[in-house]
Amino acid sequence: MDGVPEPHTGWTFLTNHARVLAAIADNHSARIRDIAAHCRLTERAVQKIISDLERDGYLSHTREGRTNTYRIDPGKVLRHPAEAGLTVASLLSLLLQDEADRVVPPGPPGRPQATA
């Protein structure tokens, strides 16, 4: 089916919520479609994750025409007791890199590859 990301098998280090939050931190006006493609999730899953993050105060949005602009609360503390005292800003500082340093895994043919 066109537009549905290829499923991932096996475990990963990050939750989908962390991936979506990092994608929004990279581009505060990203479309749900683009976030979904970047995170390899469905648009519906991204909508649910954004709703979760907004409900718990990690994220808010304003509507500007047809575009949503997201605002992340960098001082919000992470939810799990093992991360007690760590903030969203500390998580994002680990996840975000300058574009020049980003290594992009191999993708579909025709997709440009970043260099390290």
C-alpha atoms as a PDB file:
ATOM      1  CA  MET A   1       0.000   0.000   0.000  1.00  0.00           C
ATOM      2  CA  ASP A   2       1.446   3.371  -1.008  1.00  0.00           C
ATOM      3  CA  GLY A   3       2.417   5.738   1.813  1.00  0.00           C
ATOM      4  CA  VAL A   4       2.606   3.087   4.521  1.00  0.00           C
ATOM      5  CA  PRO A   5       6.120   2.792   5.929  1.00  0.00           C
ATOM      6  CA  GLU A   6       7.980  -0.482   5.697  1.00  0.00           C
ATOM      7  CA  PRO A   7       7.601  -2.232   9.062  1.00  0.00           C
ATOM      8  CA  HIS A   8      10.567  -2.516  11.393  1.00  0.00           C
ATOM      9  CA  THR A   9      11.337  -5.798  13.095  1.00  0.00           C
ATOM     10  CA  GLY A  10      13.267  -6.225  16.303  1.00  0.00           C
ATOM     11  CA  TRP A  11      13.758  -3.917  19.246  1.00  0.00           C
ATOM     12  CA  THR A  12      15.084  -0.369  19.235  1.00  0.00           C
ATOM     13  CA  PHE A  13      16.633   1.967  21.788  1.00  0.00           C
ATOM     14  CA  LEU A  14      14.098   4.774  21.393  1.00  0.00           C
ATOM     15  CA  THR A  15      10.345   4.905  21.745  1.00  0.00           C
ATOM     16  CA  ASN A  16       8.186   6.216  18.944  1.00  0.00           C
ATOM     17  CA  HIS A  17       7.282   9.150  21.216  1.00  0.00           C
ATOM     18  CA  ALA A  18      10.969  10.120  21.453  1.00  0.00           C
ATOM     19  CA  ARG A  19      11.382   9.803  17.680  1.00  0.00           C
ATOM     20  CA  VAL A  20       8.376  12.023  16.982  1.00  0.00           C
ATOM     21  CA  LEU A  21       9.521  14.598  19.535  1.00  0.00           C
ATOM     22  CA  ALA A  22      13.001  14.684  17.978  1.00  0.00           C
ATOM     23  CA  ALA A  23      11.521  15.048  14.473  1.00  0.00           C
ATOM     24  CA  ILE A  24       9.444  18.001  15.665  1.00  0.00           C
ATOM     25  CA  ALA A  25      12.496  19.515  17.370  1.00  0.00           C
ATOM     26  CA  ASP A  26      14.282  19.321  13.996  1.00  0.00           C
ATOM     27  CA  ASN A  27      11.398  21.106  12.243  1.00  0.00           C
ATOM     28  CA  HIS A  28       8.730  22.844  14.341  1.00  0.00           C
ATOM     29  CA  SER A  29       6.387  23.162  11.368  1.00  0.00           C
ATOM     30  CA  ALA A  30       6.812  19.655   9.959  1.00  0.00           C
ATOM     31  CA  ARG A  31       3.706  18.059   8.493  1.00  0.00           C
ATOM     32  CA  ILE A  32       2.388  14.893  10.106  1.00  0.00           C
ATOM     33  CA  ARG A  33       2.992  13.147   6.786  1.00  0.00           C
ATOM     34  CA  ASP A  34       6.672  14.121   6.861  1.00  0.00           C
ATOM     35  CA  ILE A  35       7.088  13.156  10.522  1.00  0.00           C
ATOM     36  CA  ALA A  36       5.490   9.781   9.798  1.00  0.00           C
ATOM     37  CA  ALA A  37       7.821   9.130   6.864  1.00  0.00           C
ATOM     38  CA  HIS A  38      10.885  10.203   8.864  1.00  0.00           C
ATOM     39  CA  CYS A  39       9.953   8.018  11.869  1.00  0.00           C
ATOM     40  CA  ARG A  40       8.678   5.117   9.730  1.00  0.00           C
ATOM     41  CA  LEU A  41       5.246   5.296  11.341  1.00  0.00           C
ATOM     42  CA  THR A  42       1.753   5.709   9.994  1.00  0.00           C
ATOM     43  CA  GLU A  43       0.198   9.172  10.001  1.00  0.00           C
ATOM     44  CA  ARG A  44      -2.456   7.908  12.397  1.00  0.00           C
ATOM     45  CA  ALA A  45       0.228   6.721  14.858  1.00  0.00           C
ATOM     46  CA  VAL A  46       1.951  10.123  14.684  1.00  0.00           C
ATOM     47  CA  GLN A  47      -1.361  11.909  15.325  1.00  0.00           C
ATOM     48  CA  LYS A  48      -1.898   9.746  18.431  1.00  0.00           C
ATOM     49  CA  ILE A  49       1.642  10.375  19.689  1.00  0.00           C
ATOM     50  CA  ILE A  50       1.301  14.137  19.178  1.00  0.00           C
ATOM     51  CA  SER A  51      -1.996  14.005  21.066  1.00  0.00           C
ATOM     52  CA  ASP A  52      -0.298  12.126  23.938  1.00  0.00           C
ATOM     53  CA  LEU A  53       2.568  14.634  24.069  1.00  0.00           C
ATOM     54  CA  GLU A  54       0.163  17.588  24.030  1.00  0.00           C
ATOM     55  CA  ARG A  55      -2.115  16.093  26.667  1.00  0.00           C
ATOM     56  CA  ASP A  56       0.819  15.639  29.061  1.00  0.00           C
ATOM     57  CA  GLY A  57       2.280  19.103  28.413  1.00  0.00           C
ATOM     58  CA  TYR A  58       5.409  18.168  26.457  1.00  0.00           C
ATOM     59  CA  LEU A  59       4.171  19.788  23.278  1.00  0.00           C
ATOM     60  CA  SER A  60       1.707  22.428  22.134  1.00  0.00           C
ATOM     61  CA  HIS A  61       0.781  23.749  18.726  1.00  0.00           C
ATOM     62  CA  THR A  62      -0.621  26.835  17.059  1.00  0.00           C
ATOM     63  CA  ARG A  63      -2.430  26.812  13.757  1.00  0.00           C
ATOM     64  CA  GLU A  64      -1.071  29.199  11.126  1.00  0.00           C
ATOM     65  CA  GLY A  65      -3.215  28.915   8.029  1.00  0.00           C
ATOM     66  CA  ARG A  66      -2.981  25.282   6.992  1.00  0.00           C
ATOM     67  CA  THR A  67       0.209  24.703   8.985  1.00  0.00           C
ATOM     68  CA  ASN A  68       0.706  23.647  12.586  1.00  0.00           C
ATOM     69  CA  THR A  69       3.678  25.115  14.386  1.00  0.00           C
ATOM     70  CA  TYR A  70       4.743  23.050  17.370  1.00  0.00           C
ATOM     71  CA  ARG A  71       6.344  24.266  20.595  1.00  0.00           C
ATOM     72  CA  ILE A  72       8.218  21.850  22.843  1.00  0.00           C
ATOM     73  CA  ASP A  73       8.486  22.523  26.582  1.00  0.00           C
ATOM     74  CA  PRO A  74      12.237  21.949  27.103  1.00  0.00           C
ATOM     75  CA  GLY A  75      11.967  22.110  30.905  1.00  0.00           C
ATOM     76  CA  LYS A  76       9.390  19.354  31.199  1.00  0.00           C
ATOM     77  CA  VAL A  77      10.758  16.388  33.172  1.00  0.00           C
ATOM     78  CA  LEU A  78      10.767  12.926  31.575  1.00  0.00           C
ATOM     79  CA  ARG A  79       8.071  10.526  32.805  1.00  0.00           C
ATOM     80  CA  HIS A  80       9.915   7.364  33.833  1.00  0.00           C
ATOM     81  CA  PRO A  81      11.327   7.190  37.387  1.00  0.00           C
ATOM     82  CA  ALA A  82      14.670   5.961  36.022  1.00  0.00           C
ATOM     83  CA  GLU A  83      15.053   9.337  34.269  1.00  0.00           C
ATOM     84  CA  ALA A  84      13.997  11.358  37.327  1.00  0.00           C
ATOM     85  CA  GLY A  85      15.235  14.918  36.992  1.00  0.00           C
ATOM     86  CA  LEU A  86      16.144  14.672  33.290  1.00  0.00           C
ATOM     87  CA  THR A  87      14.384  17.171  31.056  1.00  0.00           C
ATOM     88  CA  VAL A  88      13.152  17.096  27.497  1.00  0.00           C
ATOM     89  CA  ALA A  89      16.019  19.464  26.636  1.00  0.00           C
ATOM     90  CA  SER A  90      18.583  16.951  27.908  1.00  0.00           C
ATOM     91  CA  LEU A  91      16.985  14.154  25.875  1.00  0.00           C
ATOM     92  CA  LEU A  92      16.840  16.237  22.717  1.00  0.00           C
ATOM     93  CA  SER A  93      20.451  17.361  23.124  1.00  0.00           C
ATOM     94  CA  LEU A  94      21.435  13.698  22.821  1.00  0.00           C
ATOM     95  CA  LEU A  95      19.153  12.970  19.871  1.00  0.00           C
ATOM     96  CA  LEU A  96      19.657  16.020  17.691  1.00  0.00           C
ATOM     97  CA  GLN A  97      22.711  16.605  15.562  1.00  0.00           C
ATOM     98  CA  ASP A  98      23.746  19.207  13.054  1.00  0.00           C
ATOM     99  CA  GLU A  99      22.694  18.156   9.566  1.00  0.00           C
ATOM    100  CA  ALA A 100      26.354  18.060   8.509  1.00  0.00           C
ATOM    101  CA  ASP A 101      27.056  15.370  11.129  1.00  0.00           C
ATOM    102  CA  ARG A 102      23.971  13.271  10.454  1.00  0.00           C
ATOM    103  CA  VAL A 103      24.480   9.840   8.924  1.00  0.00           C
ATOM    104  CA  VAL A 104      21.448   8.748   6.948  1.00  0.00           C
ATOM    105  CA  PRO A 105      20.938   4.978   6.614  1.00  0.00           C
ATOM    106  CA  PRO A 106      20.587   3.607   3.089  1.00  0.00           C
ATOM    107  CA  GLY A 107      17.141   4.265   1.707  1.00  0.00           C
ATOM    108  CA  PRO A 108      15.195   3.798  -1.466  1.00  0.00           C
ATOM    109  CA  PRO A 109      17.029   4.371  -4.771  1.00  0.00           C
ATOM    110  CA  GLY A 110      17.289   8.043  -5.680  1.00  0.00           C
ATOM    111  CA  ARG A 111      17.358   9.208  -2.074  1.00  0.00           C
ATOM    112  CA  PRO A 112      20.391  11.433  -1.403  1.00  0.00           C
ATOM    113  CA  GLN A 113      22.773  10.162   1.266  1.00  0.00           C
ATOM    114  CA  ALA A 114      24.329  12.437   3.897  1.00  0.00           C
ATOM    115  CA  THR A 115      28.037  12.165   4.450  1.00  0.00           C
ATOM    116  CA  ALA A 116      29.850  12.206   7.737  1.00  0.00           C
END
